[in-house]
């Protein structure tokens, strides 16, 4: 473009792959006797052998997972057959990939005419948590699970491929006989088939049936028992039940010496390496030491510092259970800053962000030092006892300084999470006797009808009280900083709310209309908040009191913070509610806000936002005409 002519182009840094390709070119380029140049193809070092692809496809035939299409059936109408493109892929292992999303001449692919079934298996977090409750742990894997589920003969022509071992052979038409990766419906069909097998044989193999339904994630089994005797019986039942249904099990591993002996004596295939270290749903498990650990491989030394590279690298941090959440959130904060810099995907990010990234990346190597004990030591009997004892429990408010979840919202570099007792174990007083716990400022008891403030203390409330009415107001400036600048710093109303609840501290001036008592706030009869039975919590924040009767809702929902409709913060809340509810009206916005806040005259605050909303104004105008 004309206005780009005078712009000085940034020097493009080469990736390690690009640099290697350049070197191979420079070493190989020559000129032939006919005047044409000769250049070598730049092969990847230590690349997989192409013969492996032939071997894997031949395995489809050898295992009876694929058959040759009879010559007389090759020329079927397009509506009765589909040819699936296939190619080689290598992630952690070499495999054949089939792609059912490629469009045909009609513009429709096989995946377009297949249904996508519902999610039917347990989530990763639940499976890992359940795995941690077993004293004796077992892991296993179903061999080629998808290809153990057959497809009806009348549908197999939709699973055709074309293949030949070398260019001298004629093209051969094959059709798969089984479910396969690359099809939209395959995951549901295969996982639900496995669960159907478990339900169908629940009476004959009760332990195995329960394990499959609760502790399998696709083809990976992460299970266990309270002792070796139960574990051995579970091992026997699983092999018998799944073997009976055509799902052979392999890659067994256990933390128990007894079970390793049993596996060694009975399993046809044994991988001794799995007895030392295994992977449990993407997490490294040191089997004999019985702990989880993170594995960080720094493969990013020579990449140029672009937006695309930074975001892709941070996205690779795998943490399904939230064990390193403070590190993940720090990475997400960095991603947000990169987005706000408005640089293009493949241009170098600003220097200050490069420095922040380098500090973040250098610390990531310490993730390899993070270890989490696998066994929680909680038996089924203990869980039942906890559930029984917690009936009618008193829920106590934990201050920010004693709440490890606060680290997950502020973030930590990886170095600081290693051996962080506060993050992994909670506050020190948590393991002490109950009478040694700090006195909570606020107690919610399901057995009582009134919320009370437990202790008398000087009150530093979150809002100012006017002479006209007992109504909280938030000033535009907080600790010398305008609310707008805080919003810019925090980036979202969610982050601003967190800052608001933790850091804003405006003194209350009690008067005849607002007197702070030991347990309650007594307000004038004419006050607009008198019916809210307001109280001041342990952090000095005025909240809605009232009757809560056994409520199981979150604390902020039961006792929302009281705000006035004219303050700047309230306006921002109303604006956020309007946006988050997709330009919702009064009722939707009120429901959104009242999850955490009680705004006096809330409709006025919402109306000020909706009347100034341009899309809503246009919509009203179109509707009127």
Foldseek 3Di string as FASTA:
>chain_A
DVVCPPPDDDDAADFPVRVQQVVQQVVAWDADPVGHIDGDDRDDPPDDDPVVVVVQVVVCVVVVQKDFDPPVPPDDDPVQAAAWDWDWDADPHIDIDTAQQDADPVRGGPQNPDDADDDQADDPQQLLVQLQAAPKKKKWFFPPQQSLAFDDPSNQRHAKYWDDPDPVDDITIMTGGTGDPNHNHSQVVRLVLQLVLLVVCCVVQVLLSVQSRHRDDRGMGIHHHHDPVVRVSNVVSNQVSCVVSRGHMDAMEILDPVVVVVCVVPPPDYDVVVNQWDADVNWIARRNVQKTADDDDPPDPRDAQFLQVLVVVLVPDDDSNCLQLLLNVLSVVLNVVQVVQVDDRSDHGDPVSVVVSVVLVVLVNLSRLAIGHSHPNAHPVNVVVVVVVCVQHKDFDDDPVQDLVVSSNNHDRNNVSRVPCCNPPTDPCVPPDPVPDDDGQWIDTLVDFWTKGDFADQAFELAEQDPVARAGADAQDFPNHGPVVVCVVQVALVSVVVCSLPPGTHGYDDDPQWDADGIFIDGDPPHPCNVQRWGAGPSNFIWRIGTQNNDPQDPQLRTAGTHELPHPSNLRLLLVQCVVVPNDADVSSVVVSNSHYDYRVSNVSNVVNSVPDVVNVVVVVVVVD
